[in-house]
Amino acid sequence: MIVAELKPFEEIMNMIRDREKLLILGCGSCVSVCMSGGEKQVELLASALRMARNREGNQITVGEKTILRQCDPEFI
């Protein structure tokens, strides 16, 4: 069984502190079902990161993409 959970938002913010560009890549398979990394979560995270960085006066360019299955090389 695959179990996935969202990383705390503050931890993500700390990880990208010095970045100007970011790509959030989601998976349309298992993590979509457990609502921790599918297309909707990619959209929400990207939006939240943009808003948080704008509040800090430090804009970021965030790309968003969701592929069908990250675990299968045939789909990448």
PDB file of N, CA and C in Angstrom:
ATOM      1  N   MET A   1       0.834  -1.170   0.000  1.00  0.00           N
ATOM      2  CA  MET A   1       0.000   0.000   0.000  1.00  0.00           C
ATOM      3  C   MET A   1       0.886   1.242   0.000  1.00  0.00           C
ATOM      4  N   ILE A   2       0.523   2.206  -0.795  1.00  0.00           N
ATOM      5  CA  ILE A   2       1.261   3.462  -0.858  1.00  0.00           C
ATOM      6  C   ILE A   2       0.559   4.476   0.026  1.00  0.00           C
ATOM      7  N   VAL A   3       1.347   5.113   0.899  1.00  0.00           N
ATOM      8  CA  VAL A   3       0.813   6.154   1.766  1.00  0.00           C
ATOM      9  C   VAL A   3       1.643   7.411   1.525  1.00  0.00           C
ATOM     10  N   ALA A   4       0.974   8.519   1.309  1.00  0.00           N
ATOM     11  CA  ALA A   4       1.673   9.775   1.086  1.00  0.00           C
ATOM     12  C   ALA A   4       1.046  10.843   1.959  1.00  0.00           C
ATOM     13  N   GLU A   5       1.852  11.791   2.370  1.00  0.00           N
ATOM     14  CA  GLU A   5       1.328  12.893   3.166  1.00  0.00           C
ATOM     15  C   GLU A   5       1.986  14.190   2.713  1.00  0.00           C
ATOM     16  N   LEU A   6       1.280  15.279   2.925  1.00  0.00           N
ATOM     17  CA  LEU A   6       1.796  16.579   2.522  1.00  0.00           C
ATOM     18  C   LEU A   6       2.938  17.012   3.430  1.00  0.00           C
ATOM     19  N   LYS A   7       3.948  17.597   2.842  1.00  0.00           N
ATOM     20  CA  LYS A   7       5.052  18.170   3.607  1.00  0.00           C
ATOM     21  C   LYS A   7       4.549  19.472   4.224  1.00  0.00           C
ATOM     22  N   PRO A   8       4.955  19.798   5.434  1.00  0.00           N
ATOM     23  CA  PRO A   8       4.516  21.063   6.040  1.00  0.00           C
ATOM     24  C   PRO A   8       4.902  22.263   5.175  1.00  0.00           C
ATOM     25  N   PHE A   9       3.970  23.199   5.044  1.00  0.00           N
ATOM     26  CA  PHE A   9       4.163  24.354   4.170  1.00  0.00           C
ATOM     27  C   PHE A   9       5.409  25.151   4.549  1.00  0.00           C
ATOM     28  N   GLU A  10       5.632  25.365   5.825  1.00  0.00           N
ATOM     29  CA  GLU A  10       6.813  26.128   6.266  1.00  0.00           C
ATOM     30  C   GLU A  10       8.105  25.432   5.856  1.00  0.00           C
ATOM     31  N   GLU A  11       8.112  24.122   5.872  1.00  0.00           N
ATOM     32  CA  GLU A  11       9.304  23.381   5.448  1.00  0.00           C
ATOM     33  C   GLU A  11       9.566  23.613   3.953  1.00  0.00           C
ATOM     34  N   ILE A  12       8.514  23.613   3.155  1.00  0.00           N
ATOM     35  CA  ILE A  12       8.662  23.887   1.727  1.00  0.00           C
ATOM     36  C   ILE A  12       9.163  25.309   1.521  1.00  0.00           C
ATOM     37  N   MET A  13       8.581  26.264   2.228  1.00  0.00           N
ATOM     38  CA  MET A  13       9.020  27.657   2.103  1.00  0.00           C
ATOM     39  C   MET A  13      10.505  27.794   2.430  1.00  0.00           C
ATOM     40  N   ASN A  14      10.970  27.115   3.456  1.00  0.00           N
ATOM     41  CA  ASN A  14      12.392  27.165   3.818  1.00  0.00           C
ATOM     42  C   ASN A  14      13.266  26.538   2.732  1.00  0.00           C
ATOM     43  N   MET A  15      12.772  25.468   2.100  1.00  0.00           N
ATOM     44  CA  MET A  15      13.544  24.786   1.066  1.00  0.00           C
ATOM     45  C   MET A  15      13.728  25.646  -0.180  1.00  0.00           C
ATOM     46  N   ILE A  16      12.767  26.512  -0.470  1.00  0.00           N
ATOM     47  CA  ILE A  16      12.826  27.302  -1.705  1.00  0.00           C
ATOM     48  C   ILE A  16      13.174  28.764  -1.443  1.00  0.00           C
ATOM     49  N   ARG A  17      13.613  29.069  -0.263  1.00  0.00           N
ATOM     50  CA  ARG A  17      13.889  30.439   0.154  1.00  0.00           C
ATOM     51  C   ARG A  17      14.711  31.231  -0.855  1.00  0.00           C
ATOM     52  N   ASP A  18      15.745  30.633  -1.419  1.00  0.00           N
ATOM     53  CA  ASP A  18      16.655  31.341  -2.324  1.00  0.00           C
ATOM     54  C   ASP A  18      16.341  31.117  -3.805  1.00  0.00           C
ATOM     55  N   ARG A  19      15.252  30.495  -4.107  1.00  0.00           N
ATOM     56  CA  ARG A  19      14.914  30.167  -5.493  1.00  0.00           C
ATOM     57  C   ARG A  19      14.077  31.262  -6.144  1.00  0.00           C
ATOM     58  N   GLU A  20      14.311  31.460  -7.439  1.00  0.00           N
ATOM     59  CA  GLU A  20      13.520  32.410  -8.224  1.00  0.00           C
ATOM     60  C   GLU A  20      12.534  31.691  -9.136  1.00  0.00           C
ATOM     61  N   LYS A  21      12.844  30.429  -9.473  1.00  0.00           N
ATOM     62  CA  LYS A  21      11.991  29.615 -10.326  1.00  0.00           C
ATOM     63  C   LYS A  21      11.810  28.243  -9.683  1.00  0.00           C
ATOM     64  N   LEU A  22      10.623  27.677  -9.887  1.00  0.00           N
ATOM     65  CA  LEU A  22      10.299  26.400  -9.263  1.00  0.00           C
ATOM     66  C   LEU A  22       9.337  25.645 -10.161  1.00  0.00           C
ATOM     67  N   LEU A  23       9.500  24.335 -10.279  1.00  0.00           N
ATOM     68  CA  LEU A  23       8.546  23.479 -10.960  1.00  0.00           C
ATOM     69  C   LEU A  23       7.964  22.520  -9.941  1.00  0.00           C
ATOM     70  N   ILE A  24       6.656  22.524  -9.841  1.00  0.00           N
ATOM     71  CA  ILE A  24       5.976  21.562  -8.974  1.00  0.00           C
ATOM     72  C   ILE A  24       5.422  20.483  -9.885  1.00  0.00           C
ATOM     73  N   LEU A  25       5.880  19.269  -9.678  1.00  0.00           N
ATOM     74  CA  LEU A  25       5.497  18.148 -10.526  1.00  0.00           C
ATOM     75  C   LEU A  25       4.660  17.174  -9.713  1.00  0.00           C
ATOM     76  N   GLY A  26       3.415  17.035 -10.102  1.00  0.00           N
ATOM     77  CA  GLY A  26       2.508  16.120  -9.413  1.00  0.00           C
ATOM     78  C   GLY A  26       2.370  14.814 -10.169  1.00  0.00           C
ATOM     79  N   CYS A  27       1.692  13.884  -9.549  1.00  0.00           N
ATOM     80  CA  CYS A  27       1.459  12.572 -10.137  1.00  0.00           C
ATOM     81  C   CYS A  27      -0.045  12.319 -10.181  1.00  0.00           C
ATOM     82  N   GLY A  28      -0.520  11.822 -11.304  1.00  0.00           N
ATOM     83  CA  GLY A  28      -1.947  11.592 -11.467  1.00  0.00           C
ATOM     84  C   GLY A  28      -2.397  10.219 -11.029  1.00  0.00           C
ATOM     85  N   SER A  29      -1.598   9.531 -10.268  1.00  0.00           N
ATOM     86  CA  SER A  29      -1.939   8.162  -9.879  1.00  0.00           C
ATOM     87  C   SER A  29      -2.180   8.064  -8.373  1.00  0.00           C
ATOM     88  N   CYS A  30      -1.356   7.336  -7.668  1.00  0.00           N
ATOM     89  CA  CYS A  30      -1.581   7.026  -6.248  1.00  0.00           C
ATOM     90  C   CYS A  30      -1.774   8.256  -5.362  1.00  0.00           C
ATOM     91  N   VAL A  31      -0.888   9.243  -5.493  1.00  0.00           N
ATOM     92  CA  VAL A  31      -0.974  10.405  -4.611  1.00  0.00           C
ATOM     93  C   VAL A  31      -2.174  11.286  -4.934  1.00  0.00           C
ATOM     94  N   SER A  32      -2.741  11.117  -6.131  1.00  0.00           N
ATOM     95  CA  SER A  32      -3.987  11.821  -6.433  1.00  0.00           C
ATOM     96  C   SER A  32      -5.124  11.239  -5.604  1.00  0.00           C
ATOM     97  N   VAL A  33      -5.118   9.926  -5.475  1.00  0.00           N
ATOM     98  CA  VAL A  33      -6.169   9.241  -4.723  1.00  0.00           C
ATOM     99  C   VAL A  33      -6.099   9.603  -3.242  1.00  0.00           C
ATOM    100  N   CYS A  34      -4.890   9.684  -2.681  1.00  0.00           N
ATOM    101  CA  CYS A  34      -4.773  10.035  -1.257  1.00  0.00           C
ATOM    102  C   CYS A  34      -4.681  11.541  -1.039  1.00  0.00           C
ATOM    103  N   MET A  35      -4.905  12.308  -2.115  1.00  0.00           N
ATOM    104  CA  MET A  35      -4.996  13.761  -2.058  1.00  0.00           C
ATOM    105  C   MET A  35      -3.767  14.434  -1.446  1.00  0.00           C
ATOM    106  N   SER A  36      -2.587  13.964  -1.868  1.00  0.00           N
ATOM    107  CA  SER A  36      -1.363  14.554  -1.332  1.00  0.00           C
ATOM    108  C   SER A  36      -0.371  14.969  -2.407  1.00  0.00           C
ATOM    109  N   GLY A  37      -0.705  14.802  -3.682  1.00  0.00           N
ATOM    110  CA  GLY A  37       0.264  15.194  -4.697  1.00  0.00           C
ATOM    111  C   GLY A  37      -0.253  15.141  -6.112  1.00  0.00           C
ATOM    112  N   GLY A  38      -1.550  15.167  -6.265  1.00  0.00           N
ATOM    113  CA  GLY A  38      -2.148  15.148  -7.592  1.00  0.00           C
ATOM    114  C   GLY A  38      -2.291  16.542  -8.172  1.00  0.00           C
ATOM    115  N   GLU A  39      -3.036  16.633  -9.255  1.00  0.00           N
ATOM    116  CA  GLU A  39      -3.183  17.895  -9.976  1.00  0.00           C
ATOM    117  C   GLU A  39      -3.752  19.004  -9.088  1.00  0.00           C
ATOM    118  N   LYS A  40      -4.769  18.709  -8.319  1.00  0.00           N
ATOM    119  CA  LYS A  40      -5.387  19.724  -7.455  1.00  0.00           C
ATOM    120  C   LYS A  40      -4.392  20.216  -6.400  1.00  0.00           C
ATOM    121  N   GLN A  41      -3.636  19.315  -5.813  1.00  0.00           N
ATOM    122  CA  GLN A  41      -2.662  19.704  -4.795  1.00  0.00           C
ATOM    123  C   GLN A  41      -1.526  20.516  -5.397  1.00  0.00           C
ATOM    124  N   VAL A  42      -1.137  20.205  -6.634  1.00  0.00           N
ATOM    125  CA  VAL A  42      -0.115  20.992  -7.331  1.00  0.00           C
ATOM    126  C   VAL A  42      -0.602  22.425  -7.505  1.00  0.00           C
ATOM    127  N   GLU A  43      -1.844  22.580  -7.965  1.00  0.00           N
ATOM    128  CA  GLU A  43      -2.420  23.912  -8.165  1.00  0.00           C
ATOM    129  C   GLU A  43      -2.489  24.694  -6.853  1.00  0.00           C
ATOM    130  N   LEU A  44      -2.952  24.027  -5.800  1.00  0.00           N
ATOM    131  CA  LEU A  44      -3.079  24.699  -4.502  1.00  0.00           C
ATOM    132  C   LEU A  44      -1.728  25.106  -3.935  1.00  0.00           C
ATOM    133  N   LEU A  45      -0.747  24.220  -4.018  1.00  0.00           N
ATOM    134  CA  LEU A  45       0.587  24.523  -3.499  1.00  0.00           C
ATOM    135  C   LEU A  45       1.227  25.663  -4.280  1.00  0.00           C
ATOM    136  N   ALA A  46       1.130  25.613  -5.605  1.00  0.00           N
ATOM    137  CA  ALA A  46       1.713  26.678  -6.427  1.00  0.00           C
ATOM    138  C   ALA A  46       1.099  28.024  -6.075  1.00  0.00           C
ATOM    139  N   SER A  47      -0.201  28.058  -5.929  1.00  0.00           N
ATOM    140  CA  SER A  47      -0.895  29.301  -5.588  1.00  0.00           C
ATOM    141  C   SER A  47      -0.471  29.807  -4.205  1.00  0.00           C
ATOM    142  N   ALA A  48      -0.413  28.903  -3.243  1.00  0.00           N
ATOM    143  CA  ALA A  48      -0.020  29.286  -1.883  1.00  0.00           C
ATOM    144  C   ALA A  48       1.410  29.811  -1.839  1.00  0.00           C
ATOM    145  N   LEU A  49       2.304  29.178  -2.595  1.00  0.00           N
ATOM    146  CA  LEU A  49       3.700  29.634  -2.628  1.00  0.00           C
ATOM    147  C   LEU A  49       3.816  31.012  -3.264  1.00  0.00           C
ATOM    148  N   ARG A  50       3.095  31.223  -4.347  1.00  0.00           N
ATOM    149  CA  ARG A  50       3.117  32.544  -4.994  1.00  0.00           C
ATOM    150  C   ARG A  50       2.619  33.624  -4.034  1.00  0.00           C
ATOM    151  N   MET A  51       1.506  33.340  -3.368  1.00  0.00           N
ATOM    152  CA  MET A  51       0.939  34.332  -2.447  1.00  0.00           C
ATOM    153  C   MET A  51       1.881  34.618  -1.280  1.00  0.00           C
ATOM    154  N   ALA A  52       2.467  33.571  -0.716  1.00  0.00           N
ATOM    155  CA  ALA A  52       3.369  33.751   0.420  1.00  0.00           C
ATOM    156  C   ALA A  52       4.601  34.552   0.022  1.00  0.00           C
ATOM    157  N   ARG A  53       5.162  34.240  -1.129  1.00  0.00           N
ATOM    158  CA  ARG A  53       6.347  34.976  -1.580  1.00  0.00           C
ATOM    159  C   ARG A  53       5.997  36.418  -1.938  1.00  0.00           C
ATOM    160  N   ASN A  54       4.831  36.652  -2.523  1.00  0.00           N
ATOM    161  CA  ASN A  54       4.406  38.025  -2.831  1.00  0.00           C
ATOM    162  C   ASN A  54       4.255  38.841  -1.554  1.00  0.00           C
ATOM    163  N   ARG A  55       3.710  38.234  -0.510  1.00  0.00           N
ATOM    164  CA  ARG A  55       3.576  38.930   0.779  1.00  0.00           C
ATOM    165  C   ARG A  55       4.927  39.332   1.327  1.00  0.00           C
ATOM    166  N   GLU A  56       5.941  38.510   1.060  1.00  0.00           N
ATOM    167  CA  GLU A  56       7.297  38.806   1.517  1.00  0.00           C
ATOM    168  C   GLU A  56       7.980  39.833   0.613  1.00  0.00           C
ATOM    169  N   GLY A  57       7.350  40.157  -0.512  1.00  0.00           N
ATOM    170  CA  GLY A  57       7.969  41.056  -1.484  1.00  0.00           C
ATOM    171  C   GLY A  57       9.053  40.365  -2.287  1.00  0.00           C
ATOM    172  N   ASN A  58       8.954  39.062  -2.406  1.00  0.00           N
ATOM    173  CA  ASN A  58       9.975  38.252  -3.070  1.00  0.00           C
ATOM    174  C   ASN A  58       9.270  37.297  -4.042  1.00  0.00           C
ATOM    175  N   GLN A  59       8.963  37.783  -5.237  1.00  0.00           N
ATOM    176  CA  GLN A  59       8.200  36.989  -6.189  1.00  0.00           C
ATOM    177  C   GLN A  59       8.970  35.773  -6.671  1.00  0.00           C
ATOM    178  N   ILE A  60       8.200  34.772  -7.110  1.00  0.00           N
ATOM    179  CA  ILE A  60       8.772  33.527  -7.620  1.00  0.00           C
ATOM    180  C   ILE A  60       7.961  33.097  -8.837  1.00  0.00           C
ATOM    181  N   THR A  61       8.631  32.502  -9.803  1.00  0.00           N
ATOM    182  CA  THR A  61       7.960  31.916 -10.954  1.00  0.00           C
ATOM    183  C   THR A  61       7.757  30.441 -10.662  1.00  0.00           C
ATOM    184  N   VAL A  62       6.503  30.003 -10.681  1.00  0.00           N
ATOM    185  CA  VAL A  62       6.189  28.614 -10.351  1.00  0.00           C
ATOM    186  C   VAL A  62       5.524  27.951 -11.546  1.00  0.00           C
ATOM    187  N   GLY A  63       6.147  26.882 -12.040  1.00  0.00           N
ATOM    188  CA  GLY A  63       5.548  26.070 -13.090  1.00  0.00           C
ATOM    189  C   GLY A  63       4.799  24.914 -12.456  1.00  0.00           C
ATOM    190  N   GLU A  64       3.750  24.468 -13.131  1.00  0.00           N
ATOM    191  CA  GLU A  64       2.929  23.377 -12.607  1.00  0.00           C
ATOM    192  C   GLU A  64       2.742  22.324 -13.686  1.00  0.00           C
ATOM    193  N   LYS A  65       2.915  21.070 -13.312  1.00  0.00           N
ATOM    194  CA  LYS A  65       2.707  19.973 -14.251  1.00  0.00           C
ATOM    195  C   LYS A  65       2.317  18.731 -13.463  1.00  0.00           C
ATOM    196  N   THR A  66       1.415  17.961 -14.024  1.00  0.00           N
ATOM    197  CA  THR A  66       1.052  16.674 -13.435  1.00  0.00           C
ATOM    198  C   THR A  66       1.150  15.630 -14.536  1.00  0.00           C
ATOM    199  N   ILE A  67       1.922  14.593 -14.285  1.00  0.00           N
ATOM    200  CA  ILE A  67       2.040  13.510 -15.258  1.00  0.00           C
ATOM    201  C   ILE A  67       1.228  12.318 -14.770  1.00  0.00           C
ATOM    202  N   LEU A  68       0.941  11.413 -15.669  1.00  0.00           N
ATOM    203  CA  LEU A  68       0.055  10.306 -15.337  1.00  0.00           C
ATOM    204  C   LEU A  68       0.603   9.419 -14.224  1.00  0.00           C
ATOM    205  N   ARG A  69       1.859   8.979 -14.366  1.00  0.00           N
ATOM    206  CA  ARG A  69       2.452   8.104 -13.346  1.00  0.00           C
ATOM    207  C   ARG A  69       3.941   8.388 -13.243  1.00  0.00           C
ATOM    208  N   GLN A  70       4.365   8.944 -12.136  1.00  0.00           N
ATOM    209  CA  GLN A  70       5.791   9.224 -11.951  1.00  0.00           C
ATOM    210  C   GLN A  70       6.590   7.960 -11.685  1.00  0.00           C
ATOM    211  N   CYS A  71       5.950   6.933 -11.191  1.00  0.00           N
ATOM    212  CA  CYS A  71       6.675   5.713 -10.806  1.00  0.00           C
ATOM    213  C   CYS A  71       6.987   4.814 -11.991  1.00  0.00           C
ATOM    214  N   ASP A  72       6.448   5.105 -13.168  1.00  0.00           N
ATOM    215  CA  ASP A  72       6.624   4.242 -14.330  1.00  0.00           C
ATOM    216  C   ASP A  72       7.385   4.991 -15.421  1.00  0.00           C
ATOM    217  N   PRO A  73       8.627   4.592 -15.709  1.00  0.00           N
ATOM    218  CA  PRO A  73       9.445   5.292 -16.703  1.00  0.00           C
ATOM    219  C   PRO A  73       8.776   5.435 -18.068  1.00  0.00           C
ATOM    220  N   GLU A  74       7.878   4.530 -18.420  1.00  0.00           N
ATOM    221  CA  GLU A  74       7.203   4.603 -19.715  1.00  0.00           C
ATOM    222  C   GLU A  74       6.327   5.831 -19.832  1.00  0.00           C
ATOM    223  N   PHE A  75       5.887   6.384 -18.709  1.00  0.00           N
ATOM    224  CA  PHE A  75       5.011   7.542 -18.719  1.00  0.00           C
ATOM    225  C   PHE A  75       5.760   8.852 -18.608  1.00  0.00           C
ATOM    226  N   ILE A  76       7.058   8.808 -18.284  1.00  0.00           N
ATOM    227  CA  ILE A  76       7.817  10.029 -18.075  1.00  0.00           C
ATOM    228  C   ILE A  76       8.419  10.503 -19.383  1.00  0.00           C
TER     229      ILE A  76
END
